[in-house]
């Protein structure tokens, strides 16, 4: 099954590459891009303008995704540290509670038929 999926993936990328080549061949007309407040103009083929736009969009999306992953990673690490801290505190409090119970039973007063007796 994975070999079939790999074949479909290669087929998809091959068809996409052929379509992009046809698109580039059919859109070779020069386009002038002006950066309005500045006196700069650039003339390049239409296909290059579109591909550069797509590339910039993918780069920005990749950076945003990476930033969000890093943010989630740091939040997870912080939560793990807090959980370990709370587990240690819980173990300490449990031990203190057991010690308190033990000392309370050792110092308990037992009331019997002959009167109170200290253990």
N, C-alpha and C. Protein backbone atom coordinates (compact mmCIF):
# COMPACT_ATOMS: atom_id res chain seq x y z
N UNK A 1 0.82 -1.19 0.00
CA UNK A 1 0.00 0.00 0.00
C UNK A 1 0.87 1.26 0.00
N UNK A 2 1.96 1.25 0.76
CA UNK A 2 2.81 2.44 0.81
C UNK A 2 3.51 2.67 -0.53
N UNK A 3 3.80 1.59 -1.26
CA UNK A 3 4.41 1.74 -2.58
C UNK A 3 3.43 2.41 -3.54
N UNK A 4 2.16 2.07 -3.41
CA UNK A 4 1.13 2.68 -4.25
C UNK A 4 0.99 4.17 -3.93
N UNK A 5 1.02 4.50 -2.65
CA UNK A 5 0.92 5.91 -2.24
C UNK A 5 2.13 6.68 -2.74
N UNK A 6 3.31 6.07 -2.66
CA UNK A 6 4.52 6.72 -3.17
C UNK A 6 4.41 6.95 -4.68
N UNK A 7 3.86 5.98 -5.39
CA UNK A 7 3.67 6.13 -6.84
C UNK A 7 2.69 7.27 -7.14
N UNK A 8 1.59 7.33 -6.40
CA UNK A 8 0.62 8.42 -6.60
C UNK A 8 1.25 9.77 -6.29
N UNK A 9 2.06 9.83 -5.26
CA UNK A 9 2.72 11.08 -4.90
C UNK A 9 3.66 11.54 -6.01
N UNK A 10 4.46 10.60 -6.54
CA UNK A 10 5.36 10.94 -7.64
C UNK A 10 4.58 11.37 -8.88
N UNK A 11 3.49 10.68 -9.15
CA UNK A 11 2.65 11.03 -10.29
C UNK A 11 2.08 12.44 -10.13
N UNK A 12 1.61 12.76 -8.95
CA UNK A 12 1.07 14.09 -8.68
C UNK A 12 2.13 15.16 -8.91
N UNK A 13 3.32 14.99 -8.35
CA UNK A 13 4.38 15.99 -8.49
C UNK A 13 4.85 16.08 -9.94
N UNK A 14 4.86 14.96 -10.65
CA UNK A 14 5.24 15.00 -12.06
C UNK A 14 4.25 15.79 -12.89
N UNK A 15 2.96 15.54 -12.68
CA UNK A 15 1.92 16.28 -13.41
C UNK A 15 1.98 17.76 -13.05
N UNK A 16 2.18 18.07 -11.78
CA UNK A 16 2.28 19.46 -11.35
C UNK A 16 3.48 20.15 -12.01
N UNK A 17 4.61 19.46 -12.10
CA UNK A 17 5.80 20.04 -12.74
C UNK A 17 5.53 20.33 -14.22
N UNK A 18 4.88 19.39 -14.90
CA UNK A 18 4.57 19.60 -16.32
C UNK A 18 3.62 20.78 -16.49
N UNK A 19 2.61 20.89 -15.64
CA UNK A 19 1.68 22.01 -15.72
C UNK A 19 2.38 23.34 -15.45
N UNK A 20 3.30 23.36 -14.50
CA UNK A 20 4.04 24.59 -14.21
C UNK A 20 4.94 25.00 -15.38
N UNK A 21 5.54 24.02 -16.05
CA UNK A 21 6.37 24.33 -17.22
C UNK A 21 5.49 24.90 -18.33
N UNK A 22 4.33 24.28 -18.58
CA UNK A 22 3.42 24.82 -19.60
C UNK A 22 2.96 26.23 -19.24
N UNK A 23 2.66 26.45 -17.98
CA UNK A 23 2.25 27.78 -17.52
C UNK A 23 3.36 28.79 -17.77
N UNK A 24 4.60 28.43 -17.44
CA UNK A 24 5.73 29.35 -17.63
C UNK A 24 5.95 29.65 -19.11
N UNK A 25 5.81 28.63 -19.96
CA UNK A 25 6.01 28.85 -21.40
C UNK A 25 4.93 29.77 -21.97
N UNK A 26 3.70 29.61 -21.53
CA UNK A 26 2.59 30.40 -22.07
C UNK A 26 2.50 31.80 -21.46
N UNK A 27 3.24 32.09 -20.40
CA UNK A 27 3.18 33.40 -19.75
C UNK A 27 4.56 34.05 -19.71
N UNK A 28 5.16 34.16 -20.89
CA UNK A 28 6.50 34.74 -20.99
C UNK A 28 6.47 36.24 -21.22
N UNK A 29 5.31 36.83 -21.29
CA UNK A 29 5.21 38.27 -21.57
C UNK A 29 5.86 39.06 -20.43
N UNK A 30 6.60 40.11 -20.78
CA UNK A 30 7.25 40.90 -19.73
C UNK A 30 6.24 41.76 -18.98
N UNK A 31 6.45 41.86 -17.70
CA UNK A 31 5.59 42.65 -16.83
C UNK A 31 6.49 43.61 -16.06
N UNK A 32 6.07 44.87 -16.00
CA UNK A 32 6.84 45.86 -15.25
C UNK A 32 6.19 46.06 -13.89
N UNK A 33 6.99 45.88 -12.87
CA UNK A 33 6.50 46.06 -11.50
C UNK A 33 7.12 47.34 -10.97
N UNK A 34 6.26 48.25 -10.49
CA UNK A 34 6.73 49.52 -9.94
C UNK A 34 6.48 49.53 -8.44
N UNK A 35 7.47 49.95 -7.70
CA UNK A 35 7.34 50.11 -6.25
C UNK A 35 7.00 51.57 -6.02
N UNK A 36 5.71 51.86 -5.91
CA UNK A 36 5.13 53.18 -6.09
C UNK A 36 5.80 54.34 -5.35
N UNK A 37 6.00 54.32 -4.08
CA UNK A 37 6.61 55.54 -3.52
C UNK A 37 8.08 55.69 -3.90
N UNK A 38 8.69 54.63 -4.37
CA UNK A 38 10.11 54.66 -4.75
C UNK A 38 10.24 54.68 -6.27
N UNK A 39 11.36 55.13 -6.79
CA UNK A 39 11.52 55.20 -8.24
C UNK A 39 12.00 53.89 -8.86
N UNK A 40 11.85 52.78 -8.17
CA UNK A 40 12.34 51.50 -8.68
C UNK A 40 11.27 50.81 -9.54
N UNK A 41 11.69 50.26 -10.65
CA UNK A 41 10.82 49.41 -11.48
C UNK A 41 11.62 48.18 -11.87
N UNK A 42 10.92 47.07 -11.96
CA UNK A 42 11.54 45.81 -12.34
C UNK A 42 10.70 45.21 -13.46
N UNK A 43 11.36 44.76 -14.51
CA UNK A 43 10.67 44.09 -15.61
C UNK A 43 11.09 42.63 -15.62
N UNK A 44 10.10 41.76 -15.55
CA UNK A 44 10.37 40.32 -15.55
C UNK A 44 9.18 39.60 -16.16
N UNK A 45 9.34 38.32 -16.53
CA UNK A 45 8.21 37.57 -17.09
C UNK A 45 7.10 37.36 -16.06
N UNK A 46 5.89 37.25 -16.56
CA UNK A 46 4.73 37.08 -15.69
C UNK A 46 4.84 35.84 -14.83
N UNK A 47 5.32 34.74 -15.41
CA UNK A 47 5.41 33.49 -14.65
C UNK A 47 6.36 33.65 -13.46
N UNK A 48 7.43 34.43 -13.63
CA UNK A 48 8.37 34.64 -12.54
C UNK A 48 7.74 35.46 -11.42
N UNK A 49 6.94 36.46 -11.80
CA UNK A 49 6.24 37.27 -10.81
C UNK A 49 5.33 36.38 -9.97
N UNK A 50 4.58 35.51 -10.63
CA UNK A 50 3.66 34.64 -9.90
C UNK A 50 4.40 33.63 -9.03
N UNK A 51 5.48 33.04 -9.56
CA UNK A 51 6.24 32.06 -8.78
C UNK A 51 6.91 32.71 -7.57
N UNK A 52 7.42 33.92 -7.75
CA UNK A 52 8.04 34.63 -6.62
C UNK A 52 6.98 34.93 -5.55
N UNK A 53 5.80 35.33 -5.98
CA UNK A 53 4.71 35.57 -5.03
C UNK A 53 4.33 34.32 -4.26
N UNK A 54 4.24 33.20 -4.97
CA UNK A 54 3.92 31.93 -4.31
C UNK A 54 5.03 31.55 -3.33
N UNK A 55 6.28 31.71 -3.75
CA UNK A 55 7.41 31.37 -2.90
C UNK A 55 7.42 32.22 -1.63
N UNK A 56 7.18 33.52 -1.78
CA UNK A 56 7.15 34.40 -0.61
C UNK A 56 6.01 34.00 0.33
N UNK A 57 4.86 33.68 -0.23
CA UNK A 57 3.73 33.23 0.59
C UNK A 57 4.05 31.95 1.35
N UNK A 58 4.69 31.00 0.68
CA UNK A 58 5.06 29.75 1.35
C UNK A 58 6.10 30.00 2.45
N UNK A 59 7.05 30.90 2.18
CA UNK A 59 8.07 31.21 3.17
C UNK A 59 7.45 31.85 4.42
N UNK A 60 6.53 32.78 4.22
CA UNK A 60 5.87 33.43 5.36
C UNK A 60 5.04 32.41 6.14
N UNK A 61 4.32 31.56 5.43
CA UNK A 61 3.52 30.53 6.10
C UNK A 61 4.41 29.58 6.90
N UNK A 62 5.56 29.22 6.34
CA UNK A 62 6.50 28.35 7.05
C UNK A 62 7.04 29.00 8.31
N UNK A 63 7.34 30.29 8.23
CA UNK A 63 7.85 30.99 9.41
C UNK A 63 6.78 31.10 10.49
N UNK A 64 5.55 31.39 10.11
CA UNK A 64 4.46 31.49 11.09
C UNK A 64 4.22 30.13 11.73
N UNK A 65 4.22 29.08 10.93
CA UNK A 65 4.02 27.73 11.46
C UNK A 65 5.13 27.36 12.42
N UNK A 66 6.37 27.67 12.06
CA UNK A 66 7.50 27.38 12.94
C UNK A 66 7.39 28.15 14.24
N UNK A 67 6.99 29.40 14.17
CA UNK A 67 6.85 30.21 15.37
C UNK A 67 5.77 29.63 16.29
N UNK A 68 4.64 29.22 15.70
CA UNK A 68 3.57 28.64 16.51
C UNK A 68 3.99 27.31 17.13
N UNK A 69 4.75 26.50 16.39
CA UNK A 69 5.24 25.24 16.95
C UNK A 69 6.19 25.50 18.11
N UNK A 70 7.07 26.47 17.95
CA UNK A 70 8.01 26.81 19.01
C UNK A 70 7.27 27.31 20.24
N UNK A 71 6.25 28.11 20.02
CA UNK A 71 5.45 28.63 21.12
C UNK A 71 4.76 27.48 21.87
N UNK A 72 4.20 26.53 21.12
CA UNK A 72 3.58 25.36 21.75
C UNK A 72 4.59 24.49 22.47
N UNK A 73 5.78 24.35 21.88
CA UNK A 73 6.83 23.54 22.50
C UNK A 73 7.25 24.14 23.84
N UNK A 74 7.45 25.46 23.88
CA UNK A 74 7.86 26.09 25.13
C UNK A 74 6.75 26.01 26.17
N UNK A 75 5.51 26.15 25.76
CA UNK A 75 4.39 26.04 26.71
C UNK A 75 4.31 24.62 27.26
N UNK A 76 4.53 23.62 26.41
CA UNK A 76 4.50 22.23 26.88
C UNK A 76 5.63 21.97 27.86
N UNK A 77 6.83 22.47 27.57
CA UNK A 77 7.97 22.29 28.48
C UNK A 77 7.69 22.95 29.83
N UNK A 78 7.10 24.12 29.81
CA UNK A 78 6.77 24.83 31.04
C UNK A 78 5.75 24.04 31.85
N UNK A 79 4.75 23.48 31.17
CA UNK A 79 3.73 22.68 31.85
C UNK A 79 4.33 21.40 32.43
N UNK A 80 5.27 20.78 31.71
CA UNK A 80 5.92 19.58 32.23
C UNK A 80 6.73 19.89 33.48
N UNK A 81 7.47 21.01 33.46
CA UNK A 81 8.24 21.40 34.65
C UNK A 81 7.32 21.67 35.83
N UNK A 82 6.21 22.33 35.57
CA UNK A 82 5.25 22.62 36.65
C UNK A 82 4.66 21.33 37.20
N UNK A 83 4.35 20.37 36.32
CA UNK A 83 3.79 19.09 36.76
C UNK A 83 4.80 18.34 37.63
N UNK A 84 6.08 18.33 37.24
CA UNK A 84 7.10 17.67 38.06
C UNK A 84 7.22 18.34 39.42
N UNK A 85 7.18 19.65 39.42
CA UNK A 85 7.26 20.39 40.68
C UNK A 85 6.08 20.04 41.59
N UNK A 86 4.89 20.00 41.02
CA UNK A 86 3.70 19.67 41.81
C UNK A 86 3.72 18.22 42.28
N UNK A 87 4.26 17.30 41.46
CA UNK A 87 4.37 15.91 41.89
C UNK A 87 5.32 15.78 43.08
N UNK A 88 6.43 16.51 43.04
CA UNK A 88 7.36 16.49 44.16
C UNK A 88 6.73 17.06 45.41
N UNK A 89 6.00 18.15 45.26
CA UNK A 89 5.32 18.76 46.40
C UNK A 89 4.27 17.81 46.96
N UNK A 90 3.54 17.11 46.08
CA UNK A 90 2.53 16.16 46.53
C UNK A 90 3.17 15.01 47.29
N UNK A 91 4.31 14.51 46.81
CA UNK A 91 5.00 13.42 47.51
C UNK A 91 5.46 13.88 48.88
N UNK A 92 5.96 15.10 48.98
CA UNK A 92 6.40 15.65 50.26
C UNK A 92 5.23 15.77 51.23
N UNK A 93 4.11 16.31 50.75
CA UNK A 93 2.93 16.46 51.61
C UNK A 93 2.35 15.11 52.02
N UNK A 94 2.40 14.12 51.12
CA UNK A 94 1.92 12.78 51.47
C UNK A 94 2.79 12.18 52.57
N UNK A 95 4.10 12.34 52.46
CA UNK A 95 5.00 11.82 53.49
C UNK A 95 4.75 12.52 54.82
N UNK A 96 4.55 13.83 54.78
CA UNK A 96 4.28 14.57 56.03
C UNK A 96 2.95 14.12 56.65
N UNK A 97 1.94 13.86 55.80
CA UNK A 97 0.65 13.41 56.32
C UNK A 97 0.78 12.03 56.96
N UNK A 98 1.55 11.14 56.35
CA UNK A 98 1.75 9.81 56.93
C UNK A 98 2.50 9.89 58.25
N UNK A 99 3.50 10.77 58.34
CA UNK A 99 4.22 10.97 59.60
C UNK A 99 3.28 11.50 60.67
N UNK A 100 2.40 12.43 60.30
CA UNK A 100 1.45 12.98 61.26
C UNK A 100 0.48 11.91 61.74
N UNK A 101 0.02 11.05 60.84
CA UNK A 101 -0.88 9.95 61.24
C UNK A 101 -0.17 8.99 62.19
N UNK A 102 1.08 8.66 61.85
CA UNK A 102 1.85 7.74 62.67
C UNK A 102 2.06 8.31 64.08
N UNK A 103 2.42 9.57 64.17
CA UNK A 103 2.64 10.17 65.50
C UNK A 103 1.32 10.31 66.25
N UNK A 104 0.21 10.53 65.53
CA UNK A 104 -1.09 10.64 66.19
C UNK A 104 -1.51 9.30 66.77
N UNK A 105 -1.25 8.20 66.05
CA UNK A 105 -1.63 6.88 66.58
C UNK A 105 -0.71 6.46 67.72
N UNK A 106 0.55 6.91 67.71
CA UNK A 106 1.45 6.58 68.81
C UNK A 106 1.07 7.31 70.08
N UNK A 107 0.56 8.51 69.95
CA UNK A 107 0.20 9.32 71.11
C UNK A 107 -1.29 9.23 71.45
N UNK A 108 -1.99 8.28 70.86
CA UNK A 108 -3.44 8.16 71.09
C UNK A 108 -3.70 7.61 72.48
N UNK A 109 -4.82 8.00 73.04
CA UNK A 109 -5.25 7.52 74.35
C UNK A 109 -6.35 6.49 74.11
N UNK A 110 -6.15 5.29 74.66
CA UNK A 110 -7.12 4.21 74.50
C UNK A 110 -7.95 4.14 75.78
N UNK A 111 -9.26 4.14 75.63
CA UNK A 111 -10.15 4.07 76.78
C UNK A 111 -10.65 2.63 76.88
N UNK A 112 -10.37 2.01 77.98
CA UNK A 112 -10.80 0.63 78.18
C UNK A 112 -11.69 0.54 79.41
N UNK A 113 -11.89 -0.70 79.91
CA UNK A 113 -12.75 -0.91 81.08
C UNK A 113 -12.08 -0.41 82.36
N UNK A 114 -10.79 -0.42 82.39
CA UNK A 114 -10.10 -0.01 83.61
C UNK A 114 -9.79 1.47 83.63
N UNK A 115 -10.12 2.19 82.56
CA UNK A 115 -9.86 3.62 82.50
C UNK A 115 -8.90 3.95 81.36
N UNK A 116 -8.61 5.22 81.23
CA UNK A 116 -7.74 5.62 80.13
C UNK A 116 -6.31 5.09 80.32
N UNK A 117 -5.78 4.59 79.25
CA UNK A 117 -4.41 4.07 79.26
C UNK A 117 -3.66 4.72 78.10
N UNK A 118 -2.48 5.18 78.41
CA UNK A 118 -1.66 5.78 77.36
C UNK A 118 -0.81 4.70 76.73
N UNK A 119 -0.77 4.67 75.44
CA UNK A 119 0.04 3.67 74.74
C UNK A 119 1.45 4.12 74.64
